[in-house]
Amino acid sequence: MTTYESVFIIKPTLSDTEVADLLDKTKKIIAQEGGEVVGEDKWGRRRLAAPILKNREGNYIQLKFNGNPAVLSKLDHHCRVTDAVMRNFTIKVRPVKERRKKAKAK
């Protein structure tokens, strides 16, 4: 399984319970596809560099999880159909050894 990190920018008008519910739904989607949430970090409300959907602020949440590529497509679909998610992006986390090998090869 591959390790991924996702960051979600959620509308600032949502209450803490609504944000928690959204996070629980996201974790369930990852688990249903055979993934496993390794870590979660709530960065809180922050000012955006540029307005998104007429919002100047957003709630940031970072999830680190293990899974296969099928998890990514389900997660992306979930974020697109959920109005509360303004932006999201996911990256593949490479192990440190792999990054060092690539740096030495240059």
C-alpha atoms as a PDB file:
ATOM      1  CA  MET A   1       0.000   0.000   0.000  1.00  0.00           C
ATOM      2  CA  THR A   2       1.102   3.514  -0.759  1.00  0.00           C
ATOM      3  CA  THR A   3       1.147   6.420   1.678  1.00  0.00           C
ATOM      4  CA  TYR A   4      -0.712   9.589   0.704  1.00  0.00           C
ATOM      5  CA  GLU A   5      -1.299  13.004   2.269  1.00  0.00           C
ATOM      6  CA  SER A   6      -4.432  15.006   1.542  1.00  0.00           C
ATOM      7  CA  VAL A   7      -5.211  18.586   2.499  1.00  0.00           C
ATOM      8  CA  PHE A   8      -8.798  19.826   2.465  1.00  0.00           C
ATOM      9  CA  ILE A   9      -9.916  23.454   2.586  1.00  0.00           C
ATOM     10  CA  ILE A  10     -13.405  23.532   4.034  1.00  0.00           C
ATOM     11  CA  LYS A  11     -15.842  26.445   4.111  1.00  0.00           C
ATOM     12  CA  PRO A  12     -15.382  28.635   7.190  1.00  0.00           C
ATOM     13  CA  THR A  13     -19.134  28.828   7.849  1.00  0.00           C
ATOM     14  CA  LEU A  14     -19.272  25.207   9.060  1.00  0.00           C
ATOM     15  CA  SER A  15     -19.433  24.560  12.787  1.00  0.00           C
ATOM     16  CA  ASP A  16     -16.955  22.286  14.573  1.00  0.00           C
ATOM     17  CA  THR A  17     -19.475  19.423  14.663  1.00  0.00           C
ATOM     18  CA  GLU A  18     -20.141  19.726  10.925  1.00  0.00           C
ATOM     19  CA  VAL A  19     -16.406  19.674  10.225  1.00  0.00           C
ATOM     20  CA  ALA A  20     -16.051  16.576  12.448  1.00  0.00           C
ATOM     21  CA  ASP A  21     -18.920  14.863  10.596  1.00  0.00           C
ATOM     22  CA  LEU A  22     -17.318  15.626   7.249  1.00  0.00           C
ATOM     23  CA  LEU A  23     -13.999  14.269   8.492  1.00  0.00           C
ATOM     24  CA  ASP A  24     -15.680  11.077   9.727  1.00  0.00           C
ATOM     25  CA  LYS A  25     -17.343  10.552   6.331  1.00  0.00           C
ATOM     26  CA  THR A  26     -13.995  11.013   4.614  1.00  0.00           C
ATOM     27  CA  LYS A  27     -12.330   8.483   6.912  1.00  0.00           C
ATOM     28  CA  LYS A  28     -15.136   5.980   6.244  1.00  0.00           C
ATOM     29  CA  ILE A  29     -14.634   6.320   2.495  1.00  0.00           C
ATOM     30  CA  ILE A  30     -10.926   5.599   2.907  1.00  0.00           C
ATOM     31  CA  ALA A  31     -11.667   2.577   5.110  1.00  0.00           C
ATOM     32  CA  GLN A  32     -14.313   1.200   2.723  1.00  0.00           C
ATOM     33  CA  GLU A  33     -11.761   1.120  -0.085  1.00  0.00           C
ATOM     34  CA  GLY A  34      -9.282  -0.835   2.028  1.00  0.00           C
ATOM     35  CA  GLY A  35      -7.276   2.179   3.171  1.00  0.00           C
ATOM     36  CA  GLU A  36      -6.108   3.086   6.629  1.00  0.00           C
ATOM     37  CA  VAL A  37      -5.883   6.573   8.143  1.00  0.00           C
ATOM     38  CA  VAL A  38      -2.460   6.982   9.737  1.00  0.00           C
ATOM     39  CA  GLY A  39      -2.680  10.567  10.934  1.00  0.00           C
ATOM     40  CA  GLU A  40      -4.912  13.594  11.068  1.00  0.00           C
ATOM     41  CA  ASP A  41      -4.034  17.205  11.702  1.00  0.00           C
ATOM     42  CA  LYS A  42      -6.521  20.056  11.973  1.00  0.00           C
ATOM     43  CA  TRP A  43      -4.747  23.285  11.087  1.00  0.00           C
ATOM     44  CA  GLY A  44      -7.802  25.380  11.885  1.00  0.00           C
ATOM     45  CA  ARG A  45      -9.116  28.490  10.213  1.00  0.00           C
ATOM     46  CA  ARG A  46      -6.615  30.401   8.106  1.00  0.00           C
ATOM     47  CA  ARG A  47      -6.682  33.293   5.721  1.00  0.00           C
ATOM     48  CA  LEU A  48      -6.515  32.307   2.039  1.00  0.00           C
ATOM     49  CA  ALA A  49      -3.998  33.872  -0.350  1.00  0.00           C
ATOM     50  CA  ALA A  50      -6.781  34.444  -2.876  1.00  0.00           C
ATOM     51  CA  PRO A  51     -10.558  34.212  -2.441  1.00  0.00           C
ATOM     52  CA  ILE A  52     -12.155  30.842  -3.198  1.00  0.00           C
ATOM     53  CA  LEU A  53     -15.900  30.907  -3.858  1.00  0.00           C
ATOM     54  CA  LYS A  54     -16.024  34.430  -2.342  1.00  0.00           C
ATOM     55  CA  ASN A  55     -14.476  33.193   0.922  1.00  0.00           C
ATOM     56  CA  ARG A  56     -11.388  34.832   2.369  1.00  0.00           C
ATOM     57  CA  GLU A  57     -10.811  32.137   5.018  1.00  0.00           C
ATOM     58  CA  GLY A  58     -11.012  28.376   5.204  1.00  0.00           C
ATOM     59  CA  ASN A  59     -10.642  25.494   7.649  1.00  0.00           C
ATOM     60  CA  TYR A  60      -7.637  23.348   6.799  1.00  0.00           C
ATOM     61  CA  ILE A  61      -7.464  19.615   7.537  1.00  0.00           C
ATOM     62  CA  GLN A  62      -4.618  17.263   6.662  1.00  0.00           C
ATOM     63  CA  LEU A  63      -5.068  13.488   6.464  1.00  0.00           C
ATOM     64  CA  LYS A  64      -2.257  10.985   6.062  1.00  0.00           C
ATOM     65  CA  PHE A  65      -3.388   7.549   4.949  1.00  0.00           C
ATOM     66  CA  ASN A  66      -2.279   4.294   3.352  1.00  0.00           C
ATOM     67  CA  GLY A  67      -4.208   2.859   0.451  1.00  0.00           C
ATOM     68  CA  ASN A  68      -4.323   1.862  -3.182  1.00  0.00           C
ATOM     69  CA  PRO A  69      -5.075   4.147  -6.156  1.00  0.00           C
ATOM     70  CA  ALA A  70      -8.787   3.253  -6.021  1.00  0.00           C
ATOM     71  CA  VAL A  71      -9.001   5.194  -2.752  1.00  0.00           C
ATOM     72  CA  LEU A  72      -7.885   8.346  -4.559  1.00  0.00           C
ATOM     73  CA  SER A  73     -10.673   8.224  -7.122  1.00  0.00           C
ATOM     74  CA  LYS A  74     -13.343   7.687  -4.446  1.00  0.00           C
ATOM     75  CA  LEU A  75     -11.889  10.460  -2.294  1.00  0.00           C
ATOM     76  CA  ASP A  76     -11.749  12.852  -5.236  1.00  0.00           C
ATOM     77  CA  HIS A  77     -15.367  12.090  -6.135  1.00  0.00           C
ATOM     78  CA  HIS A  78     -16.437  12.634  -2.517  1.00  0.00           C
ATOM     79  CA  CYS A  79     -14.756  16.052  -2.432  1.00  0.00           C
ATOM     80  CA  ARG A  80     -16.302  17.124  -5.736  1.00  0.00           C
ATOM     81  CA  VAL A  81     -19.871  16.335  -4.683  1.00  0.00           C
ATOM     82  CA  THR A  82     -19.509  17.794  -1.182  1.00  0.00           C
ATOM     83  CA  ASP A  83     -20.326  21.502  -1.209  1.00  0.00           C
ATOM     84  CA  ALA A  84     -18.437  22.168   2.023  1.00  0.00           C
ATOM     85  CA  VAL A  85     -15.067  21.267   0.477  1.00  0.00           C
ATOM     86  CA  MET A  86     -13.707  24.279  -1.384  1.00  0.00           C
ATOM     87  CA  ARG A  87     -10.375  22.722  -2.434  1.00  0.00           C
ATOM     88  CA  ASN A  88      -8.464  19.515  -1.904  1.00  0.00           C
ATOM     89  CA  PHE A  89      -5.229  17.994  -3.097  1.00  0.00           C
ATOM     90  CA  THR A  90      -3.495  14.695  -2.513  1.00  0.00           C
ATOM     91  CA  ILE A  91       0.152  13.784  -2.896  1.00  0.00           C
ATOM     92  CA  LYS A  92       2.019  10.505  -2.754  1.00  0.00           C
ATOM     93  CA  VAL A  93       4.526  10.394   0.096  1.00  0.00           C
ATOM     94  CA  ARG A  94       7.804   8.767  -0.809  1.00  0.00           C
ATOM     95  CA  PRO A  95      10.021   7.200   1.850  1.00  0.00           C
ATOM     96  CA  VAL A  96      13.103   9.186   2.884  1.00  0.00           C
ATOM     97  CA  LYS A  97      15.513   6.578   1.458  1.00  0.00           C
ATOM     98  CA  GLU A  98      13.898   6.855  -1.953  1.00  0.00           C
ATOM     99  CA  ARG A  99      14.190  10.656  -1.919  1.00  0.00           C
ATOM    100  CA  ARG A 100      17.876  10.486  -0.963  1.00  0.00           C
ATOM    101  CA  LYS A 101      18.652   8.042  -3.755  1.00  0.00           C
ATOM    102  CA  LYS A 102      16.972  10.302  -6.284  1.00  0.00           C
ATOM    103  CA  ALA A 103      18.855  13.352  -4.991  1.00  0.00           C
ATOM    104  CA  LYS A 104      22.225  11.550  -5.279  1.00  0.00           C
ATOM    105  CA  ALA A 105      21.457  10.472  -8.840  1.00  0.00           C
ATOM    106  CA  LYS A 106      21.214  14.120  -9.983  1.00  0.00           C
END
